PDB file of N, CA and C in Angstrom:
ATOM      1  N   MET A   1      85.122  83.078  61.409  1.00  0.00           N
ATOM      2  CA  MET A   1      85.132  84.386  60.902  1.00  0.00           C
ATOM      3  C   MET A   1      84.177  85.136  61.491  1.00  0.00           C
ATOM      4  N   GLU A   2      82.986  84.715  62.123  1.00  0.00           N
ATOM      5  CA  GLU A   2      82.006  85.225  62.744  1.00  0.00           C
ATOM      6  C   GLU A   2      82.567  86.009  63.977  1.00  0.00           C
ATOM      7  N   SER A   3      83.819  85.420  64.664  1.00  0.00           N
ATOM      8  CA  SER A   3      84.304  86.268  65.688  1.00  0.00           C
ATOM      9  C   SER A   3      84.957  87.373  65.379  1.00  0.00           C
ATOM     10  N   LEU A   4      85.324  87.553  64.197  1.00  0.00           N
ATOM     11  CA  LEU A   4      86.116  88.654  64.008  1.00  0.00           C
ATOM     12  C   LEU A   4      84.877  90.009  63.881  1.00  0.00           C
ATOM     13  N   TYR A   5      83.829  89.756  63.511  1.00  0.00           N
ATOM     14  CA  TYR A   5      82.720  90.794  63.928  1.00  0.00           C
ATOM     15  C   TYR A   5      82.513  90.955  65.464  1.00  0.00           C
ATOM     16  N   LEU A   6      83.123  90.453  66.162  1.00  0.00           N
ATOM     17  CA  LEU A   6      83.132  90.661  67.677  1.00  0.00           C
ATOM     18  C   LEU A   6      84.366  91.229  68.049  1.00  0.00           C
ATOM     19  N   LEU A   7      85.342  90.751  67.596  1.00  0.00           N
ATOM     20  CA  LEU A   7      86.811  91.280  68.111  1.00  0.00           C
ATOM     21  C   LEU A   7      87.432  92.496  67.698  1.00  0.00           C
ATOM     22  N   ILE A   8      86.893  93.059  66.427  1.00  0.00           N
ATOM     23  CA  ILE A   8      87.535  94.139  65.853  1.00  0.00           C
ATOM     24  C   ILE A   8      86.972  95.345  66.524  1.00  0.00           C
ATOM     25  N   PRO A   9      85.392  95.437  66.722  1.00  0.00           N
ATOM     26  CA  PRO A   9      85.006  96.393  67.407  1.00  0.00           C
ATOM     27  C   PRO A   9      85.192  96.530  68.747  1.00  0.00           C
ATOM     28  N   PHE A  10      85.625  95.315  69.376  1.00  0.00           N
ATOM     29  CA  PHE A  10      86.138  95.381  70.797  1.00  0.00           C
ATOM     30  C   PHE A  10      87.352  95.737  70.858  1.00  0.00           C
ATOM     31  N   SER A  11      88.448  95.613  69.924  1.00  0.00           N
ATOM     32  CA  SER A  11      89.661  95.942  69.816  1.00  0.00           C
ATOM     33  C   SER A  11      89.661  97.419  69.592  1.00  0.00           C
ATOM     34  N   VAL A  12      88.868  98.037  68.855  1.00  0.00           N
ATOM     35  CA  VAL A  12      88.714  99.436  68.429  1.00  0.00           C
ATOM     36  C   VAL A  12      88.347 100.257  69.701  1.00  0.00           C
ATOM     37  N   LEU A  13      87.480  99.590  70.497  1.00  0.00           N
ATOM     38  CA  LEU A  13      86.728 100.367  71.760  1.00  0.00           C
ATOM     39  C   LEU A  13      87.694 100.435  72.587  1.00  0.00           C
ATOM     40  N   LEU A  14      88.736  99.543  72.739  1.00  0.00           N
ATOM     41  CA  LEU A  14      89.693  99.148  73.849  1.00  0.00           C
ATOM     42  C   LEU A  14      90.878 100.055  73.642  1.00  0.00           C
ATOM     43  N   VAL A  15      91.070 100.529  72.303  1.00  0.00           N
ATOM     44  CA  VAL A  15      92.174 101.259  71.821  1.00  0.00           C
ATOM     45  C   VAL A  15      91.644 102.569  72.474  1.00  0.00           C
ATOM     46  N   PHE A  16      90.408 102.959  72.186  1.00  0.00           N
ATOM     47  CA  PHE A  16      89.998 104.255  72.697  1.00  0.00           C
ATOM     48  C   PHE A  16      90.021 104.515  74.052  1.00  0.00           C
ATOM     49  N   VAL A  17      89.328 103.484  74.956  1.00  0.00           N
ATOM     50  CA  VAL A  17      89.700 103.537  76.052  1.00  0.00           C
ATOM     51  C   VAL A  17      91.178 103.838  76.715  1.00  0.00           C
ATOM     52  N   ILE A  18      92.135 102.999  76.142  1.00  0.00           N
ATOM     53  CA  ILE A  18      93.459 103.230  76.684  1.00  0.00           C
ATOM     54  C   ILE A  18      93.756 104.635  76.205  1.00  0.00           C
ATOM     55  N   ALA A  19      93.358 105.205  75.181  1.00  0.00           N
ATOM     56  CA  ALA A  19      93.780 106.626  74.667  1.00  0.00           C
ATOM     57  C   ALA A  19      93.137 107.553  75.579  1.00  0.00           C
ATOM     58  N   LEU A  20      91.939 107.370  76.009  1.00  0.00           N
ATOM     59  CA  LEU A  20      91.437 108.212  77.085  1.00  0.00           C
ATOM     60  C   LEU A  20      91.802 108.308  78.465  1.00  0.00           C
ATOM     61  N   ILE A  21      92.278 107.193  78.936  1.00  0.00           N
ATOM     62  CA  ILE A  21      92.914 106.845  80.142  1.00  0.00           C
ATOM     63  C   ILE A  21      94.391 107.808  80.197  1.00  0.00           C
ATOM     64  N   PHE A  22      95.078 107.634  78.874  1.00  0.00           N
ATOM     65  CA  PHE A  22      96.387 108.180  78.722  1.00  0.00           C
ATOM     66  C   PHE A  22      96.105 109.731  78.772  1.00  0.00           C
ATOM     67  N   TRP A  23      95.182 109.957  78.055  1.00  0.00           N
ATOM     68  CA  TRP A  23      94.742 111.653  77.956  1.00  0.00           C
ATOM     69  C   TRP A  23      94.427 112.269  79.167  1.00  0.00           C
ATOM     70  N   ARG A  24      93.791 111.479  80.037  1.00  0.00           N
ATOM     71  CA  ARG A  24      93.414 112.166  81.410  1.00  0.00           C
ATOM     72  C   ARG A  24      94.400 112.078  82.148  1.00  0.00           C
ATOM     73  N   SER A  25      95.688 111.077  81.946  1.00  0.00           N
ATOM     74  CA  SER A  25      96.703 111.235  83.107  1.00  0.00           C
ATOM     75  C   SER A  25      97.552 112.280  82.558  1.00  0.00           C
ATOM     76  N   LEU A  26      97.612 112.799  81.152  1.00  0.00           N
ATOM     77  CA  LEU A  26      98.410 113.800  80.860  1.00  0.00           C
ATOM     78  C   LEU A  26      98.226 115.100  81.355  1.00  0.00           C
ATOM     79  N   LYS A  27      96.460 115.230  81.185  1.00  0.00           N
ATOM     80  CA  LYS A  27      95.859 116.529  81.673  1.00  0.00           C
ATOM     81  C   LYS A  27      96.023 116.669  83.131  1.00  0.00           C
ATOM     82  N   GLY A  28      96.116 115.507  83.932  1.00  0.00           N
ATOM     83  CA  GLY A  28      96.150 115.662  85.363  1.00  0.00           C
ATOM     84  C   GLY A  28      97.602 115.932  86.152  1.00  0.00           C
ATOM     85  N   GLY A  29      98.524 115.898  84.997  1.00  0.00           N
ATOM     86  CA  GLY A  29      99.857 116.153  85.657  1.00  0.00           C
ATOM     87  C   GLY A  29     100.676 115.030  85.917  1.00  0.00           C
ATOM     88  N   GLN A  30     100.199 114.015  85.458  1.00  0.00           N
ATOM     89  CA  GLN A  30     101.036 112.590  85.764  1.00  0.00           C
ATOM     90  C   GLN A  30     102.450 112.462  85.460  1.00  0.00           C
ATOM     91  N   PHE A  31     102.772 113.341  84.228  1.00  0.00           N
ATOM     92  CA  PHE A  31     103.975 113.096  83.429  1.00  0.00           C
ATOM     93  C   PHE A  31     104.702 114.468  83.513  1.00  0.00           C
ATOM     94  N   ASP A  32     104.345 115.364  84.311  1.00  0.00           N
ATOM     95  CA  ASP A  32     104.820 116.432  84.572  1.00  0.00           C
ATOM     96  C   ASP A  32     106.540 116.552  85.238  1.00  0.00           C
ATOM     97  N   ASP A  33     106.632 115.965  85.874  1.00  0.00           N
ATOM     98  CA  ASP A  33     108.066 115.973  86.301  1.00  0.00           C
ATOM     99  C   ASP A  33     108.515 114.437  86.655  1.00  0.00           C
ATOM    100  N   LEU A  34     109.289 113.937  85.718  1.00  0.00           N
ATOM    101  CA  LEU A  34     109.737 112.652  85.738  1.00  0.00           C
ATOM    102  C   LEU A  34     110.909 112.434  86.418  1.00  0.00           C
ATOM    103  N   GLU A  35     112.032 113.455  86.565  1.00  0.00           N
ATOM    104  CA  GLU A  35     113.168 113.201  86.993  1.00  0.00           C
ATOM    105  C   GLU A  35     113.001 113.791  88.436  1.00  0.00           C
ATOM    106  N   GLY A  36     112.266 114.451  88.966  1.00  0.00           N
ATOM    107  CA  GLY A  36     112.269 115.202  90.484  1.00  0.00           C
ATOM    108  C   GLY A  36     112.288 113.937  91.449  1.00  0.00           C
ATOM    109  N   PRO A  37     111.354 112.849  91.275  1.00  0.00           N
ATOM    110  CA  PRO A  37     111.298 111.751  92.410  1.00  0.00           C
ATOM    111  C   PRO A  37     112.456 111.221  92.436  1.00  0.00           C
ATOM    112  N   GLY A  38     113.186 110.951  91.237  1.00  0.00           N
ATOM    113  CA  GLY A  38     114.349 109.942  91.349  1.00  0.00           C
ATOM    114  C   GLY A  38     115.315 110.614  92.120  1.00  0.00           C
ATOM    115  N   PHE A  39     115.601 112.458  91.868  1.00  0.00           N
ATOM    116  CA  PHE A  39     116.636 112.900  92.479  1.00  0.00           C
ATOM    117  C   PHE A  39     116.306 113.013  94.079  1.00  0.00           C
ATOM    118  N   ARG A  40     115.117 113.331  94.384  1.00  0.00           N
ATOM    119  CA  ARG A  40     114.351 113.650  95.690  1.00  0.00           C
ATOM    120  C   ARG A  40     115.016 112.625  96.806  1.00  0.00           C
ATOM    121  N   ILE A  41     114.737 111.173  96.181  1.00  0.00           N
ATOM    122  CA  ILE A  41     115.085 110.139  97.062  1.00  0.00           C
ATOM    123  C   ILE A  41     116.518 109.870  97.284  1.00  0.00           C
ATOM    124  N   LEU A  42     117.528 110.724  96.487  1.00  0.00           N
ATOM    125  CA  LEU A  42     119.047 110.518  96.693  1.00  0.00           C
ATOM    126  C   LEU A  42     119.446 111.881  97.657  1.00  0.00           C
ATOM    127  N   MET A  43     118.533 112.522  97.915  1.00  0.00           N
ATOM    128  CA  MET A  43     119.192 114.127  98.575  1.00  0.00           C
ATOM    129  C   MET A  43     118.620 113.543 100.130  1.00  0.00           C
ATOM    130  N   ASP A  44     119.823 114.041 100.944  1.00  0.00           N
ATOM    131  CA  ASP A  44     119.653 113.941 102.368  1.00  0.00           C
ATOM    132  C   ASP A  44     118.729 115.063 103.052  1.00  0.00           C
ATOM    133  N   ASP A  45     118.208 114.637 104.158  1.00  0.00           N
ATOM    134  CA  ASP A  45     117.485 115.917 104.770  1.00  0.00           C
ATOM    135  C   ASP A  45     118.364 116.610 105.647  1.00  0.00           C
ATOM    136  N   ASP A  46     118.404 118.119 105.318  1.00  0.00           N
ATOM    137  CA  ASP A  46     119.058 119.050 105.934  1.00  0.00           C
ATOM    138  C   ASP A  46     119.062 118.863 107.485  1.00  0.00           C
ATOM    139  N   LEU A  47     117.803 118.892 107.974  1.00  0.00           N
ATOM    140  CA  LEU A  47     117.192 119.019 109.137  1.00  0.00           C
ATOM    141  C   LEU A  47     117.164 117.670 110.031  1.00  0.00           C
ATOM    142  N   PRO A  48     117.583 117.175 111.289  1.00  0.00           N
ATOM    143  CA  PRO A  48     117.518 115.811 111.983  1.00  0.00           C
ATOM    144  C   PRO A  48     116.259 115.760 112.036  1.00  0.00           C
ATOM    145  N   ARG A  49     115.391 114.684 112.494  1.00  0.00           N
ATOM    146  CA  ARG A  49     114.047 114.317 112.588  1.00  0.00           C
ATOM    147  C   ARG A  49     113.933 114.611 114.080  1.00  0.00           C
ATOM    148  N   ALA A  50     112.909 115.379 114.588  1.00  0.00           N
ATOM    149  CA  ALA A  50     112.404 115.492 115.737  1.00  0.00           C
ATOM    150  C   ALA A  50     112.054 114.568 116.640  1.00  0.00           C
ATOM    151  N   ARG A  51     112.770 114.131 117.872  1.00  0.00           N
ATOM    152  CA  ARG A  51     112.630 113.223 118.694  1.00  0.00           C
ATOM    153  C   ARG A  51     111.017 113.378 119.368  1.00  0.00           C
ATOM    154  N   THR A  52     110.492 112.039 119.497  1.00  0.00           N
ATOM    155  CA  THR A  52     109.312 112.019 119.976  1.00  0.00           C
ATOM    156  C   THR A  52     109.379 111.330 121.284  1.00  0.00           C
ATOM    157  N   ALA A  53     108.370 111.266 122.222  1.00  0.00           N
ATOM    158  CA  ALA A  53     108.289 110.376 123.251  1.00  0.00           C
ATOM    159  C   ALA A  53     108.321 109.041 122.859  1.00  0.00           C
ATOM    160  N   ALA A  54     107.851 108.311 121.850  1.00  0.00           N
ATOM    161  CA  ALA A  54     107.591 107.041 121.682  1.00  0.00           C
ATOM    162  C   ALA A  54     109.503 106.811 121.222  1.00  0.00           C
ATOM    163  N   ASP A  55     110.111 107.658 120.548  1.00  0.00           N
ATOM    164  CA  ASP A  55     111.590 107.313 120.241  1.00  0.00           C
ATOM    165  C   ASP A  55     112.119 107.236 121.782  1.00  0.00           C
ATOM    166  N   GLU A  56     111.824 108.352 122.741  1.00  0.00           N
ATOM    167  CA  GLU A  56     112.719 108.184 123.945  1.00  0.00           C
ATOM    168  C   GLU A  56     112.324 107.062 124.783  1.00  0.00           C
ATOM    169  N   GLU A  57     111.329 106.459 124.727  1.00  0.00           N
ATOM    170  CA  GLU A  57     110.867 105.262 125.164  1.00  0.00           C
ATOM    171  C   GLU A  57     111.540 103.977 124.629  1.00  0.00           C
ATOM    172  N   LYS A  58     111.606 104.306 123.231  1.00  0.00           N
ATOM    173  CA  LYS A  58     112.292 102.921 122.789  1.00  0.00           C
ATOM    174  C   LYS A  58     113.649 102.957 122.837  1.00  0.00           C
ATOM    175  N   LYS A  59     114.312 104.191 122.957  1.00  0.00           N
ATOM    176  CA  LYS A  59     115.848 104.331 123.519  1.00  0.00           C
ATOM    177  C   LYS A  59     116.256 103.477 124.998  1.00  0.00           C
ATOM    178  N   THR A  60     115.168 104.101 125.933  1.00  0.00           N
ATOM    179  CA  THR A  60     115.334 103.913 127.129  1.00  0.00           C
ATOM    180  C   THR A  60     115.208 101.868 127.360  1.00  0.00           C
ATOM    181  N   GLU A  61     114.476 101.299 126.688  1.00  0.00           N
ATOM    182  CA  GLU A  61     114.240  99.913 126.314  1.00  0.00           C
ATOM    183  C   GLU A  61     115.256  99.552 125.966  1.00  0.00           C
ATOM    184  N   ARG A  62     115.845 100.021 124.883  1.00  0.00           N
ATOM    185  CA  ARG A  62     117.373  99.479 124.307  1.00  0.00           C
ATOM    186  C   ARG A  62     118.384  99.562 125.326  1.00  0.00           C
ATOM    187  N   ASP A  63     118.510 100.732 125.957  1.00  0.00           N
ATOM    188  CA  ASP A  63     119.523 100.942 126.911  1.00  0.00           C
ATOM    189  C   ASP A  63     119.491  99.897 128.197  1.00  0.00           C
ATOM    190  N   GLY A  64     118.193  99.636 128.552  1.00  0.00           N
ATOM    191  CA  GLY A  64     117.814  98.595 129.789  1.00  0.00           C
ATOM    192  C   GLY A  64     118.332  97.318 129.188  1.00  0.00           C
ATOM    193  N   ALA A  65     117.945  96.992 128.080  1.00  0.00           N
ATOM    194  CA  ALA A  65     118.459  95.362 127.477  1.00  0.00           C
ATOM    195  C   ALA A  65     120.014  95.376 127.484  1.00  0.00           C
ATOM    196  N   ALA A  66     120.620  96.641 126.887  1.00  0.00           N
ATOM    197  CA  ALA A  66     121.836  96.371 126.691  1.00  0.00           C
ATOM    198  C   ALA A  66     122.682  96.063 128.156  1.00  0.00           C
ATOM    199  N   ALA A  67     121.953  96.890 129.334  1.00  0.00           N
ATOM    200  CA  ALA A  67     122.410  96.575 130.592  1.00  0.00           C
ATOM    201  C   ALA A  67     122.183  95.336 131.352  1.00  0.00           C
ATOM    202  N   GLY A  68     121.478  94.493 130.382  1.00  0.00           N
ATOM    203  CA  GLY A  68     120.940  93.001 131.046  1.00  0.00           C
ATOM    204  C   GLY A  68     119.775  92.907 131.441  1.00  0.00           C
ATOM    205  N   GLU A  69     118.943  94.008 131.527  1.00  0.00           N
ATOM    206  CA  GLU A  69     117.498  93.930 131.984  1.00  0.00           C
ATOM    207  C   GLU A  69     116.762  93.400 130.812  1.00  0.00           C
ATOM    208  N   PRO A  70     115.719  92.700 131.028  1.00  0.00           N
ATOM    209  CA  PRO A  70     114.863  91.893 129.904  1.00  0.00           C
ATOM    210  C   PRO A  70     114.042  93.247 129.309  1.00  0.00           C
ATOM    211  N   LEU A  71     113.462  93.038 128.365  1.00  0.00           N
ATOM    212  CA  LEU A  71     112.684  94.222 127.560  1.00  0.00           C
ATOM    213  C   LEU A  71     111.271  94.046 128.158  1.00  0.00           C
ATOM    214  N   ARG A  72     110.651  95.071 128.251  1.00  0.00           N
ATOM    215  CA  ARG A  72     109.212  95.327 129.133  1.00  0.00           C
ATOM    216  C   ARG A  72     108.412  94.794 127.839  1.00  0.00           C
ATOM    217  N   ASP A  73     107.363  94.157 128.213  1.00  0.00           N
ATOM    218  CA  ASP A  73     106.227  93.760 126.933  1.00  0.00           C
ATOM    219  C   ASP A  73     105.676  94.747 126.763  1.00  0.00           C
ATOM    220  N   LEU A  74     105.442  95.330 125.619  1.00  0.00           N
ATOM    221  CA  LEU A  74     104.417  96.519 125.245  1.00  0.00           C
ATOM    222  C   LEU A  74     103.174  96.240 125.164  1.00  0.00           C
ATOM    223  N   GLN A  75     102.799  94.933 125.144  1.00  0.00           N
ATOM    224  CA  GLN A  75     101.612  94.421 124.786  1.00  0.00           C
ATOM    225  C   GLN A  75     100.841  94.495 126.112  1.00  0.00           C
ATOM    226  N   ASP A  76     101.393  94.452 127.286  1.00  0.00           N
ATOM    227  CA  ASP A  76     100.623  94.432 128.819  1.00  0.00           C
ATOM    228  C   ASP A  76     100.200  96.073 129.026  1.00  0.00           C
ATOM    229  N   LYS A  77     100.654  97.248 128.353  1.00  0.00           N
ATOM    230  CA  LYS A  77     100.278  98.551 128.491  1.00  0.00           C
ATOM    231  C   LYS A  77      98.836  98.755 128.480  1.00  0.00           C
TER     232      LYS A  77
END
């Protein structure tokens, strides 16, 4: 019975802390757009990704491996 004197105030305090966290997330805009991220992942990018020097190096390594040459070890650079 004595444990209730500790558990009831603790549970009320816990409810207030959870309500405060939820209120701050509402004010911070956490729940403003619930559908946008789900649709954004399904949309294709209109513009192709720009090629970088690292992409070109990987392409030449793949082409060399396809021609029978061994891959260069990138750790030695």
